[in-house]
PDB file of N, CA and C in Angstrom:
ATOM      1  N   MET A   1     -33.780  17.491   2.579  1.00  0.00           N
ATOM      2  CA  MET A   1     -33.228  16.339   3.231  1.00  0.00           C
ATOM      3  C   MET A   1     -31.713  16.411   3.133  1.00  0.00           C
ATOM      4  N   ASP A   2     -31.063  15.960   4.180  1.00  0.00           N
ATOM      5  CA  ASP A   2     -29.606  15.923   4.203  1.00  0.00           C
ATOM      6  C   ASP A   2     -29.128  14.573   3.691  1.00  0.00           C
ATOM      7  N   PHE A   3     -28.042  14.600   2.916  1.00  0.00           N
ATOM      8  CA  PHE A   3     -27.426  13.338   2.520  1.00  0.00           C
ATOM      9  C   PHE A   3     -25.924  13.515   2.414  1.00  0.00           C
ATOM     10  N   VAL A   4     -25.229  12.428   2.692  1.00  0.00           N
ATOM     11  CA  VAL A   4     -23.776  12.365   2.539  1.00  0.00           C
ATOM     12  C   VAL A   4     -23.471  11.070   1.803  1.00  0.00           C
ATOM     13  N   PHE A   5     -22.281  10.999   1.258  1.00  0.00           N
ATOM     14  CA  PHE A   5     -21.851   9.794   0.565  1.00  0.00           C
ATOM     15  C   PHE A   5     -21.117   8.894   1.538  1.00  0.00           C
ATOM     16  N   GLY A   6     -21.309   7.596   1.389  1.00  0.00           N
ATOM     17  CA  GLY A   6     -20.703   6.623   2.287  1.00  0.00           C
ATOM     18  C   GLY A   6     -19.220   6.405   2.053  1.00  0.00           C
ATOM     19  N   SER A   7     -18.712   6.868   0.906  1.00  0.00           N
ATOM     20  CA  SER A   7     -17.286   6.724   0.623  1.00  0.00           C
ATOM     21  C   SER A   7     -16.801   7.924  -0.177  1.00  0.00           C
ATOM     22  N   ARG A   8     -15.508   8.179  -0.049  1.00  0.00           N
ATOM     23  CA  ARG A   8     -14.909   9.279  -0.830  1.00  0.00           C
ATOM     24  C   ARG A   8     -14.970   8.980  -2.321  1.00  0.00           C
ATOM     25  N   LYS A   9     -14.784   7.716  -2.672  1.00  0.00           N
ATOM     26  CA  LYS A   9     -14.808   7.324  -4.078  1.00  0.00           C
ATOM     27  C   LYS A   9     -16.163   7.648  -4.706  1.00  0.00           C
ATOM     28  N   LEU A  10     -17.242   7.280  -4.029  1.00  0.00           N
ATOM     29  CA  LEU A  10     -18.578   7.555  -4.550  1.00  0.00           C
ATOM     30  C   LEU A  10     -18.848   9.055  -4.592  1.00  0.00           C
ATOM     31  N   ALA A  11     -18.409   9.778  -3.566  1.00  0.00           N
ATOM     32  CA  ALA A  11     -18.571  11.241  -3.551  1.00  0.00           C
ATOM     33  C   ALA A  11     -17.863  11.870  -4.740  1.00  0.00           C
ATOM     34  N   LYS A  12     -16.670  11.374  -5.051  1.00  0.00           N
ATOM     35  CA  LYS A  12     -15.914  11.919  -6.175  1.00  0.00           C
ATOM     36  C   LYS A  12     -16.603  11.609  -7.494  1.00  0.00           C
ATOM     37  N   LEU A  13     -17.096  10.376  -7.644  1.00  0.00           N
ATOM     38  CA  LEU A  13     -17.782   9.990  -8.875  1.00  0.00           C
ATOM     39  C   LEU A  13     -19.039  10.827  -9.120  1.00  0.00           C
ATOM     40  N   CYS A  14     -19.667  11.282  -8.040  1.00  0.00           N
ATOM     41  CA  CYS A  14     -20.923  12.044  -8.144  1.00  0.00           C
ATOM     42  C   CYS A  14     -20.724  13.546  -7.954  1.00  0.00           C
ATOM     43  N   SER A  15     -19.477  13.998  -7.934  1.00  0.00           N
ATOM     44  CA  SER A  15     -19.205  15.407  -7.609  1.00  0.00           C
ATOM     45  C   SER A  15     -19.514  16.377  -8.738  1.00  0.00           C
ATOM     46  N   THR A  16     -19.365  15.956  -9.979  1.00  0.00           N
ATOM     47  CA  THR A  16     -19.645  16.852 -11.112  1.00  0.00           C
ATOM     48  C   THR A  16     -20.359  16.062 -12.208  1.00  0.00           C
ATOM     49  N   TRP A  17     -21.022  16.803 -13.067  1.00  0.00           N
ATOM     50  CA  TRP A  17     -21.719  16.209 -14.207  1.00  0.00           C
ATOM     51  C   TRP A  17     -20.739  15.407 -15.071  1.00  0.00           C
ATOM     52  N   ASP A  18     -19.574  15.984 -15.351  1.00  0.00           N
ATOM     53  CA  ASP A  18     -18.575  15.302 -16.182  1.00  0.00           C
ATOM     54  C   ASP A  18     -18.099  13.997 -15.541  1.00  0.00           C
ATOM     55  N   GLN A  19     -17.891  14.022 -14.232  1.00  0.00           N
ATOM     56  CA  GLN A  19     -17.458  12.809 -13.518  1.00  0.00           C
ATOM     57  C   GLN A  19     -18.525  11.715 -13.625  1.00  0.00           C
ATOM     58  N   MET A  20     -19.796  12.104 -13.448  1.00  0.00           N
ATOM     59  CA  MET A  20     -20.871  11.114 -13.514  1.00  0.00           C
ATOM     60  C   MET A  20     -20.977  10.514 -14.914  1.00  0.00           C
ATOM     61  N   ILE A  21     -20.866  11.335 -15.942  1.00  0.00           N
ATOM     62  CA  ILE A  21     -20.931  10.821 -17.319  1.00  0.00           C
ATOM     63  C   ILE A  21     -19.764   9.876 -17.582  1.00  0.00           C
ATOM     64  N   ARG A  22     -18.579  10.284 -17.161  1.00  0.00           N
ATOM     65  CA  ARG A  22     -17.388   9.463 -17.368  1.00  0.00           C
ATOM     66  C   ARG A  22     -17.511   8.112 -16.649  1.00  0.00           C
ATOM     67  N   ALA A  23     -18.035   8.136 -15.436  1.00  0.00           N
ATOM     68  CA  ALA A  23     -18.115   6.916 -14.633  1.00  0.00           C
ATOM     69  C   ALA A  23     -19.281   6.005 -15.015  1.00  0.00           C
ATOM     70  N   PHE A  24     -20.426   6.609 -15.383  1.00  0.00           N
ATOM     71  CA  PHE A  24     -21.641   5.819 -15.533  1.00  0.00           C
ATOM     72  C   PHE A  24     -22.308   5.892 -16.905  1.00  0.00           C
ATOM     73  N   GLY A  25     -21.880   6.809 -17.769  1.00  0.00           N
ATOM     74  CA  GLY A  25     -22.547   6.997 -19.047  1.00  0.00           C
ATOM     75  C   GLY A  25     -23.629   8.058 -18.937  1.00  0.00           C
ATOM     76  N   LEU A  26     -24.076   8.563 -20.068  1.00  0.00           N
ATOM     77  CA  LEU A  26     -25.004   9.693 -20.105  1.00  0.00           C
ATOM     78  C   LEU A  26     -26.358   9.395 -19.472  1.00  0.00           C
ATOM     79  N   GLU A  27     -26.993   8.292 -19.851  1.00  0.00           N
ATOM     80  CA  GLU A  27     -28.333   7.995 -19.329  1.00  0.00           C
ATOM     81  C   GLU A  27     -28.307   7.808 -17.814  1.00  0.00           C
ATOM     82  N   MET A  28     -27.325   7.046 -17.325  1.00  0.00           N
ATOM     83  CA  MET A  28     -27.221   6.819 -15.884  1.00  0.00           C
ATOM     84  C   MET A  28     -26.897   8.123 -15.162  1.00  0.00           C
ATOM     85  N   ALA A  29     -26.043   8.960 -15.742  1.00  0.00           N
ATOM     86  CA  ALA A  29     -25.705  10.252 -15.128  1.00  0.00           C
ATOM     87  C   ALA A  29     -26.941  11.127 -15.005  1.00  0.00           C
ATOM     88  N   ARG A  30     -27.783  11.120 -16.028  1.00  0.00           N
ATOM     89  CA  ARG A  30     -29.034  11.899 -15.964  1.00  0.00           C
ATOM     90  C   ARG A  30     -29.923  11.414 -14.834  1.00  0.00           C
ATOM     91  N   ARG A  31     -30.094  10.103 -14.750  1.00  0.00           N
ATOM     92  CA  ARG A  31     -30.943   9.527 -13.709  1.00  0.00           C
ATOM     93  C   ARG A  31     -30.367   9.775 -12.325  1.00  0.00           C
ATOM     94  N   LEU A  32     -29.063   9.578 -12.181  1.00  0.00           N
ATOM     95  CA  LEU A  32     -28.397   9.791 -10.901  1.00  0.00           C
ATOM     96  C   LEU A  32     -28.489  11.255 -10.488  1.00  0.00           C
ATOM     97  N   GLY A  33     -28.243  12.171 -11.429  1.00  0.00           N
ATOM     98  CA  GLY A  33     -28.374  13.602 -11.138  1.00  0.00           C
ATOM     99  C   GLY A  33     -29.775  13.951 -10.685  1.00  0.00           C
ATOM    100  N   ALA A  34     -30.779  13.358 -11.329  1.00  0.00           N
ATOM    101  CA  ALA A  34     -32.173  13.606 -10.944  1.00  0.00           C
ATOM    102  C   ALA A  34     -32.437  13.121  -9.524  1.00  0.00           C
ATOM    103  N   ARG A  35     -31.943  11.911  -9.200  1.00  0.00           N
ATOM    104  CA  ARG A  35     -32.166  11.370  -7.843  1.00  0.00           C
ATOM    105  C   ARG A  35     -31.479  12.232  -6.784  1.00  0.00           C
ATOM    106  N   LEU A  36     -30.258  12.666  -7.053  1.00  0.00           N
ATOM    107  CA  LEU A  36     -29.548  13.514  -6.084  1.00  0.00           C
ATOM    108  C   LEU A  36     -30.281  14.836  -5.902  1.00  0.00           C
ATOM    109  N   ASN A  37     -30.788  15.397  -6.988  1.00  0.00           N
ATOM    110  CA  ASN A  37     -31.557  16.633  -6.921  1.00  0.00           C
ATOM    111  C   ASN A  37     -32.844  16.424  -6.122  1.00  0.00           C
ATOM    112  N   GLU A  38     -33.550  15.328  -6.378  1.00  0.00           N
ATOM    113  CA  GLU A  38     -34.786  15.030  -5.647  1.00  0.00           C
ATOM    114  C   GLU A  38     -34.507  14.828  -4.161  1.00  0.00           C
ATOM    115  N   LEU A  39     -33.418  14.146  -3.837  1.00  0.00           N
ATOM    116  CA  LEU A  39     -33.050  13.966  -2.422  1.00  0.00           C
ATOM    117  C   LEU A  39     -32.787  15.312  -1.753  1.00  0.00           C
ATOM    118  N   GLY A  40     -32.047  16.168  -2.430  1.00  0.00           N
ATOM    119  CA  GLY A  40     -31.700  17.468  -1.864  1.00  0.00           C
ATOM    120  C   GLY A  40     -32.889  18.387  -1.658  1.00  0.00           C
ATOM    121  N   GLN A  41     -33.927  18.233  -2.483  1.00  0.00           N
ATOM    122  CA  GLN A  41     -35.093  19.104  -2.393  1.00  0.00           C
ATOM    123  C   GLN A  41     -36.188  18.578  -1.471  1.00  0.00           C
ATOM    124  N   ALA A  42     -36.163  17.294  -1.158  1.00  0.00           N
ATOM    125  CA  ALA A  42     -37.210  16.690  -0.329  1.00  0.00           C
ATOM    126  C   ALA A  42     -37.046  17.068   1.134  1.00  0.00           C
ATOM    127  N   ALA A  43     -38.165  17.252   1.810  1.00  0.00           N
ATOM    128  CA  ALA A  43     -38.135  17.516   3.251  1.00  0.00           C
ATOM    129  C   ALA A  43     -37.914  16.218   4.018  1.00  0.00           C
ATOM    130  N   SER A  44     -38.464  15.133   3.498  1.00  0.00           N
ATOM    131  CA  SER A  44     -38.269  13.817   4.103  1.00  0.00           C
ATOM    132  C   SER A  44     -38.295  12.771   2.994  1.00  0.00           C
ATOM    133  N   LEU A  45     -37.920  11.569   3.347  1.00  0.00           N
ATOM    134  CA  LEU A  45     -37.887  10.494   2.360  1.00  0.00           C
ATOM    135  C   LEU A  45     -39.287  10.153   1.856  1.00  0.00           C
ATOM    136  N   ALA A  46     -40.311  10.476   2.628  1.00  0.00           N
ATOM    137  CA  ALA A  46     -41.690  10.195   2.227  1.00  0.00           C
ATOM    138  C   ALA A  46     -42.037  10.881   0.909  1.00  0.00           C
ATOM    139  N   GLU A  47     -41.463  12.043   0.639  1.00  0.00           N
ATOM    140  CA  GLU A  47     -41.739  12.754  -0.606  1.00  0.00           C
ATOM    141  C   GLU A  47     -41.268  11.957  -1.817  1.00  0.00           C
ATOM    142  N   LEU A  48     -40.145  11.273  -1.710  1.00  0.00           N
ATOM    143  CA  LEU A  48     -39.647  10.480  -2.829  1.00  0.00           C
ATOM    144  C   LEU A  48     -40.507   9.248  -3.070  1.00  0.00           C
ATOM    145  N   ARG A  49     -41.119   8.764  -2.029  1.00  0.00           N
ATOM    146  CA  ARG A  49     -41.970   7.577  -2.156  1.00  0.00           C
ATOM    147  C   ARG A  49     -43.200   7.867  -3.014  1.00  0.00           C
ATOM    148  N   THR A  50     -43.605   9.120  -3.101  1.00  0.00           N
ATOM    149  CA  THR A  50     -44.790   9.482  -3.883  1.00  0.00           C
ATOM    150  C   THR A  50     -44.483   9.628  -5.372  1.00  0.00           C
ATOM    151  N   LEU A  51     -43.205   9.655  -5.749  1.00  0.00           N
ATOM    152  CA  LEU A  51     -42.823   9.806  -7.148  1.00  0.00           C
ATOM    153  C   LEU A  51     -42.708   8.422  -7.791  1.00  0.00           C
ATOM    154  N   PRO A  52     -43.617   8.073  -8.715  1.00  0.00           N
ATOM    155  CA  PRO A  52     -43.628   6.711  -9.260  1.00  0.00           C
ATOM    156  C   PRO A  52     -42.352   6.326 -10.011  1.00  0.00           C
ATOM    157  N   HIS A  53     -41.692   7.280 -10.649  1.00  0.00           N
ATOM    158  CA  HIS A  53     -40.491   6.957 -11.414  1.00  0.00           C
ATOM    159  C   HIS A  53     -39.288   6.640 -10.521  1.00  0.00           C
ATOM    160  N   VAL A  54     -39.385   6.969  -9.249  1.00  0.00           N
ATOM    161  CA  VAL A  54     -38.284   6.714  -8.312  1.00  0.00           C
ATOM    162  C   VAL A  54     -38.347   5.288  -7.767  1.00  0.00           C
ATOM    163  N   ARG A  55     -39.551   4.758  -7.615  1.00  0.00           N
ATOM    164  CA  ARG A  55     -39.761   3.418  -7.051  1.00  0.00           C
ATOM    165  C   ARG A  55     -38.954   3.204  -5.769  1.00  0.00           C
ATOM    166  N   ALA A  56     -39.137   4.085  -4.826  1.00  0.00           N
ATOM    167  CA  ALA A  56     -38.432   3.983  -3.547  1.00  0.00           C
ATOM    168  C   ALA A  56     -39.064   2.874  -2.706  1.00  0.00           C
ATOM    169  N   HIS A  57     -38.224   1.971  -2.202  1.00  0.00           N
ATOM    170  CA  HIS A  57     -38.742   0.915  -1.345  1.00  0.00           C
ATOM    171  C   HIS A  57     -37.677   0.436  -0.372  1.00  0.00           C
ATOM    172  N   GLU A  58     -38.174  -0.092   0.748  1.00  0.00           N
ATOM    173  CA  GLU A  58     -37.290  -0.623   1.780  1.00  0.00           C
ATOM    174  C   GLU A  58     -36.742  -1.973   1.335  1.00  0.00           C
ATOM    175  N   LEU A  59     -35.507  -2.216   1.711  1.00  0.00           N
ATOM    176  CA  LEU A  59     -34.906  -3.520   1.466  1.00  0.00           C
ATOM    177  C   LEU A  59     -35.045  -4.364   2.727  1.00  0.00           C
ATOM    178  N   VAL A  60     -34.863  -5.645   2.587  1.00  0.00           N
ATOM    179  CA  VAL A  60     -35.061  -6.561   3.723  1.00  0.00           C
ATOM    180  C   VAL A  60     -33.826  -7.429   3.927  1.00  0.00           C
ATOM    181  N   GLY A  61     -33.900  -8.261   4.933  1.00  0.00           N
ATOM    182  CA  GLY A  61     -32.808  -9.202   5.219  1.00  0.00           C
ATOM    183  C   GLY A  61     -31.573  -8.475   5.714  1.00  0.00           C
ATOM    184  N   ASP A  62     -30.423  -8.789   5.113  1.00  0.00           N
ATOM    185  CA  ASP A  62     -29.177  -8.166   5.553  1.00  0.00           C
ATOM    186  C   ASP A  62     -29.084  -6.703   5.113  1.00  0.00           C
ATOM    187  N   ARG A  63     -30.074  -6.227   4.378  1.00  0.00           N
ATOM    188  CA  ARG A  63     -30.111  -4.820   3.963  1.00  0.00           C
ATOM    189  C   ARG A  63     -31.206  -4.046   4.712  1.00  0.00           C
ATOM    190  N   ASP A  64     -31.606  -4.547   5.892  1.00  0.00           N
ATOM    191  CA  ASP A  64     -32.591  -3.860   6.721  1.00  0.00           C
ATOM    192  C   ASP A  64     -32.108  -2.440   6.997  1.00  0.00           C
ATOM    193  N   GLU A  65     -33.040  -1.498   7.008  1.00  0.00           N
ATOM    194  CA  GLU A  65     -32.783  -0.063   7.204  1.00  0.00           C
ATOM    195  C   GLU A  65     -32.106   0.579   6.000  1.00  0.00           C
ATOM    196  N   GLN A  66     -32.135  -0.103   4.856  1.00  0.00           N
ATOM    197  CA  GLN A  66     -31.663   0.497   3.620  1.00  0.00           C
ATOM    198  C   GLN A  66     -32.847   0.697   2.678  1.00  0.00           C
ATOM    199  N   ILE A  67     -32.707   1.691   1.815  1.00  0.00           N
ATOM    200  CA  ILE A  67     -33.742   2.040   0.851  1.00  0.00           C
ATOM    201  C   ILE A  67     -33.131   1.988  -0.538  1.00  0.00           C
ATOM    202  N   SER A  68     -33.919   1.533  -1.494  1.00  0.00           N
ATOM    203  CA  SER A  68     -33.488   1.436  -2.878  1.00  0.00           C
ATOM    204  C   SER A  68     -34.274   2.440  -3.721  1.00  0.00           C
ATOM    205  N   LEU A  69     -33.565   3.182  -4.568  1.00  0.00           N
ATOM    206  CA  LEU A  69     -34.186   4.099  -5.528  1.00  0.00           C
ATOM    207  C   LEU A  69     -33.761   3.664  -6.925  1.00  0.00           C
ATOM    208  N   ASP A  70     -34.704   3.640  -7.861  1.00  0.00           N
ATOM    209  CA  ASP A  70     -34.392   3.242  -9.232  1.00  0.00           C
ATOM    210  C   ASP A  70     -33.449   4.206  -9.915  1.00  0.00           C
ATOM    211  N   LEU A  71     -32.547   3.634 -10.688  1.00  0.00           N
ATOM    212  CA  LEU A  71     -31.710   4.396 -11.621  1.00  0.00           C
ATOM    213  C   LEU A  71     -32.014   3.826 -13.001  1.00  0.00           C
ATOM    214  N   VAL A  72     -31.013   3.394 -13.729  1.00  0.00           N
ATOM    215  CA  VAL A  72     -31.219   2.726 -15.009  1.00  0.00           C
ATOM    216  C   VAL A  72     -31.185   1.227 -14.736  1.00  0.00           C
ATOM    217  N   HIS A  73     -32.257   0.523 -15.133  1.00  0.00           N
ATOM    218  CA  HIS A  73     -32.364  -0.906 -14.849  1.00  0.00           C
ATOM    219  C   HIS A  73     -31.102  -1.647 -15.281  1.00  0.00           C
ATOM    220  N   PRO A  74     -30.535  -2.467 -14.436  1.00  0.00           N
ATOM    221  CA  PRO A  74     -30.983  -2.979 -13.146  1.00  0.00           C
ATOM    222  C   PRO A  74     -30.365  -2.248 -11.951  1.00  0.00           C
ATOM    223  N   TYR A  75     -29.789  -1.082 -12.176  1.00  0.00           N
ATOM    224  CA  TYR A  75     -29.052  -0.402 -11.114  1.00  0.00           C
ATOM    225  C   TYR A  75     -29.946   0.411 -10.190  1.00  0.00           C
ATOM    226  N   ARG A  76     -29.546   0.432  -8.932  1.00  0.00           N
ATOM    227  CA  ARG A  76     -30.277   1.142  -7.882  1.00  0.00           C
ATOM    228  C   ARG A  76     -29.311   2.006  -7.071  1.00  0.00           C
ATOM    229  N   LEU A  77     -29.843   3.100  -6.545  1.00  0.00           N
ATOM    230  CA  LEU A  77     -29.121   3.943  -5.599  1.00  0.00           C
ATOM    231  C   LEU A  77     -29.527   3.449  -4.218  1.00  0.00           C
ATOM    232  N   ILE A  78     -28.563   2.991  -3.436  1.00  0.00           N
ATOM    233  CA  ILE A  78     -28.844   2.396  -2.123  1.00  0.00           C
ATOM    234  C   ILE A  78     -28.514   3.407  -1.033  1.00  0.00           C
ATOM    235  N   LEU A  79     -29.514   3.663  -0.192  1.00  0.00           N
ATOM    236  CA  LEU A  79     -29.386   4.629   0.904  1.00  0.00           C
ATOM    237  C   LEU A  79     -29.527   3.915   2.239  1.00  0.00           C
ATOM    238  N   SER A  80     -28.844   4.442   3.257  1.00  0.00           N
ATOM    239  CA  SER A  80     -29.037   4.005   4.644  1.00  0.00           C
ATOM    240  C   SER A  80     -29.596   5.174   5.425  1.00  0.00           C
ATOM    241  N   VAL A  81     -30.427   4.868   6.377  1.00  0.00           N
ATOM    242  CA  VAL A  81     -31.003   5.907   7.229  1.00  0.00           C
ATOM    243  C   VAL A  81     -29.918   6.429   8.161  1.00  0.00           C
ATOM    244  N   ALA A  82     -29.752   7.757   8.205  1.00  0.00           N
ATOM    245  CA  ALA A  82     -28.729   8.357   9.055  1.00  0.00           C
ATOM    246  C   ALA A  82     -29.320   8.973  10.319  1.00  0.00           C
ATOM    247  N   ASN A  83     -30.654   9.041  10.413  1.00  0.00           N
ATOM    248  CA  ASN A  83     -31.279   9.559  11.636  1.00  0.00           C
ATOM    249  C   ASN A  83     -30.930   8.637  12.803  1.00  0.00           C
ATOM    250  N   ASP A  84     -30.682   9.225  13.963  1.00  0.00           N
ATOM    251  CA  ASP A  84     -30.362   8.447  15.141  1.00  0.00           C
ATOM    252  C   ASP A  84     -31.274   8.875  16.280  1.00  0.00           C
ATOM    253  N   PRO A  85     -32.160   8.018  16.743  1.00  0.00           N
ATOM    254  CA  PRO A  85     -32.387   6.640  16.340  1.00  0.00           C
ATOM    255  C   PRO A  85     -33.129   6.567  15.007  1.00  0.00           C
ATOM    256  N   VAL A  86     -33.084   5.384  14.407  1.00  0.00           N
ATOM    257  CA  VAL A  86     -33.789   5.164  13.142  1.00  0.00           C
ATOM    258  C   VAL A  86     -35.292   5.208  13.413  1.00  0.00           C
ATOM    259  N   PRO A  87     -36.019   6.101  12.715  1.00  0.00           N
ATOM    260  CA  PRO A  87     -37.469   6.209  12.940  1.00  0.00           C
ATOM    261  C   PRO A  87     -38.216   4.974  12.425  1.00  0.00           C
ATOM    262  N   ARG A  88     -38.961   4.357  13.312  1.00  0.00           N
ATOM    263  CA  ARG A  88     -39.719   3.157  12.948  1.00  0.00           C
ATOM    264  C   ARG A  88     -41.192   3.336  13.282  1.00  0.00           C
ATOM    265  N   LEU A  89     -42.019   2.658  12.524  1.00  0.00           N
ATOM    266  CA  LEU A  89     -43.457   2.629  12.787  1.00  0.00           C
ATOM    267  C   LEU A  89     -43.729   1.613  13.888  1.00  0.00           C
ATOM    268  N   PRO A  90     -44.816   1.793  14.655  1.00  0.00           N
ATOM    269  CA  PRO A  90     -45.131   0.844  15.731  1.00  0.00           C
ATOM    270  C   PRO A  90     -45.272  -0.597  15.228  1.00  0.00           C
ATOM    271  N   GLU A  91     -45.807  -0.773  14.032  1.00  0.00           N
ATOM    272  CA  GLU A  91     -46.002  -2.116  13.495  1.00  0.00           C
ATOM    273  C   GLU A  91     -44.778  -2.653  12.758  1.00  0.00           C
ATOM    274  N   GLY A  92     -43.681  -1.902  12.788  1.00  0.00           N
ATOM    275  CA  GLY A  92     -42.456  -2.303  12.107  1.00  0.00           C
ATOM    276  C   GLY A  92     -42.270  -1.514  10.828  1.00  0.00           C
ATOM    277  N   GLY A  93     -41.125  -1.614  10.241  1.00  0.00           N
ATOM    278  CA  GLY A  93     -40.834  -0.833   9.041  1.00  0.00           C
ATOM    279  C   GLY A  93     -40.369   0.560   9.399  1.00  0.00           C
ATOM    280  N   LEU A  94     -39.888   1.255   8.405  1.00  0.00           N
ATOM    281  CA  LEU A  94     -39.366   2.601   8.611  1.00  0.00           C
ATOM    282  C   LEU A  94     -40.471   3.640   8.556  1.00  0.00           C
ATOM    283  N   ASP A  95     -40.350   4.679   9.354  1.00  0.00           N
ATOM    284  CA  ASP A  95     -41.283   5.809   9.301  1.00  0.00           C
ATOM    285  C   ASP A  95     -40.707   6.833   8.332  1.00  0.00           C
ATOM    286  N   TRP A  96     -41.100   6.739   7.082  1.00  0.00           N
ATOM    287  CA  TRP A  96     -40.540   7.548   6.005  1.00  0.00           C
ATOM    288  C   TRP A  96     -40.727   9.041   6.235  1.00  0.00           C
ATOM    289  N   GLN A  97     -41.791   9.428   6.928  1.00  0.00           N
ATOM    290  CA  GLN A  97     -42.044  10.862   7.206  1.00  0.00           C
ATOM    291  C   GLN A  97     -40.956  11.465   8.088  1.00  0.00           C
ATOM    292  N   LEU A  98     -40.358  10.665   8.935  1.00  0.00           N
ATOM    293  CA  LEU A  98     -39.363  11.166   9.884  1.00  0.00           C
ATOM    294  C   LEU A  98     -37.924  10.978   9.413  1.00  0.00           C
ATOM    295  N   ILE A  99     -37.735  10.355   8.264  1.00  0.00           N
ATOM    296  CA  ILE A  99     -36.380  10.162   7.744  1.00  0.00           C
ATOM    297  C   ILE A  99     -35.977  11.432   6.989  1.00  0.00           C
ATOM    298  N   THR A 100     -35.050  12.168   7.578  1.00  0.00           N
ATOM    299  CA  THR A 100     -34.622  13.447   7.002  1.00  0.00           C
ATOM    300  C   THR A 100     -33.126  13.477   6.714  1.00  0.00           C
ATOM    301  N   SER A 101     -32.462  12.358   6.949  1.00  0.00           N
ATOM    302  CA  SER A 101     -31.022  12.287   6.742  1.00  0.00           C
ATOM    303  C   SER A 101     -30.643  10.877   6.290  1.00  0.00           C
ATOM    304  N   VAL A 102     -29.894  10.792   5.182  1.00  0.00           N
ATOM    305  CA  VAL A 102     -29.495   9.488   4.660  1.00  0.00           C
ATOM    306  C   VAL A 102     -28.035   9.497   4.248  1.00  0.00           C
ATOM    307  N   VAL A 103     -27.489   8.303   4.145  1.00  0.00           N
ATOM    308  CA  VAL A 103     -26.146   8.084   3.614  1.00  0.00           C
ATOM    309  C   VAL A 103     -26.322   7.360   2.285  1.00  0.00           C
ATOM    310  N   ILE A 104     -25.690   7.872   1.240  1.00  0.00           N
ATOM    311  CA  ILE A 104     -25.711   7.192  -0.055  1.00  0.00           C
ATOM    312  C   ILE A 104     -24.583   6.167  -0.020  1.00  0.00           C
ATOM    313  N   ASP A 105     -24.976   4.895   0.062  1.00  0.00           N
ATOM    314  CA  ASP A 105     -24.010   3.813   0.248  1.00  0.00           C
ATOM    315  C   ASP A 105     -23.378   3.326  -1.048  1.00  0.00           C
ATOM    316  N   GLU A 106     -24.209   3.128  -2.061  1.00  0.00           N
ATOM    317  CA  GLU A 106     -23.672   2.527  -3.285  1.00  0.00           C
ATOM    318  C   GLU A 106     -24.639   2.652  -4.446  1.00  0.00           C
ATOM    319  N   ILE A 107     -24.115   2.376  -5.610  1.00  0.00           N
ATOM    320  CA  ILE A 107     -24.891   2.208  -6.824  1.00  0.00           C
ATOM    321  C   ILE A 107     -24.630   0.776  -7.240  1.00  0.00           C
ATOM    322  N   THR A 108     -25.689  -0.037  -7.275  1.00  0.00           N
ATOM    323  CA  THR A 108     -25.482  -1.469  -7.496  1.00  0.00           C
ATOM    324  C   THR A 108     -26.717  -2.125  -8.095  1.00  0.00           C
ATOM    325  N   ASP A 109     -26.547  -3.337  -8.563  1.00  0.00           N
ATOM    326  CA  ASP A 109     -27.650  -4.201  -8.954  1.00  0.00           C
ATOM    327  C   ASP A 109     -27.938  -5.089  -7.752  1.00  0.00           C
ATOM    328  N   THR A 110     -29.011  -4.832  -7.038  1.00  0.00           N
ATOM    329  CA  THR A 110     -29.318  -5.578  -5.801  1.00  0.00           C
ATOM    330  C   THR A 110     -29.810  -6.995  -6.091  1.00  0.00           C
ATOM    331  N   HIS A 111     -30.034  -7.333  -7.353  1.00  0.00           N
ATOM    332  CA  HIS A 111     -30.549  -8.660  -7.687  1.00  0.00           C
ATOM    333  C   HIS A 111     -29.467  -9.649  -8.076  1.00  0.00           C
ATOM    334  N   GLU A 112     -28.206  -9.239  -7.988  1.00  0.00           N
ATOM    335  CA  GLU A 112     -27.102 -10.159  -8.323  1.00  0.00           C
ATOM    336  C   GLU A 112     -26.877 -11.148  -7.236  1.00  0.00           C
TER     337      GLU A 112
END
C-alpha cells in the first residue's frame, strides 16, 4: 500500500527511529513503527482490518473517509483515503479492499 504524510512536520517526526523516540517516547515509537511497517507491507487497507491489535475502523461525522488505527491508548494514527475516487460499497461505507493509497494525517486522541 502507498502512503504519504499529510505534513512535512509529521513526515520529519516519523522519518527515523531516533526522531520517533524523541517525539513520542519508546513505547509509542514502537507502535508507530509497527503501524508504518504494516501499512507499507499491506496490499490494501483490508489487510490491516484483519489484525486485531490494529483495531482499524472508519470514523464518522466530520471525519468521514478517515480511518483510525490504534497506537498507545488513547492515541490513534489517523489516515485519509487517497484513492480517487474514494472506493465505496453500494450500501455505504468504504470499500477497504480497494483502498490502496492513504495519507497519514495526524497522531491524535480522537476522543478529546
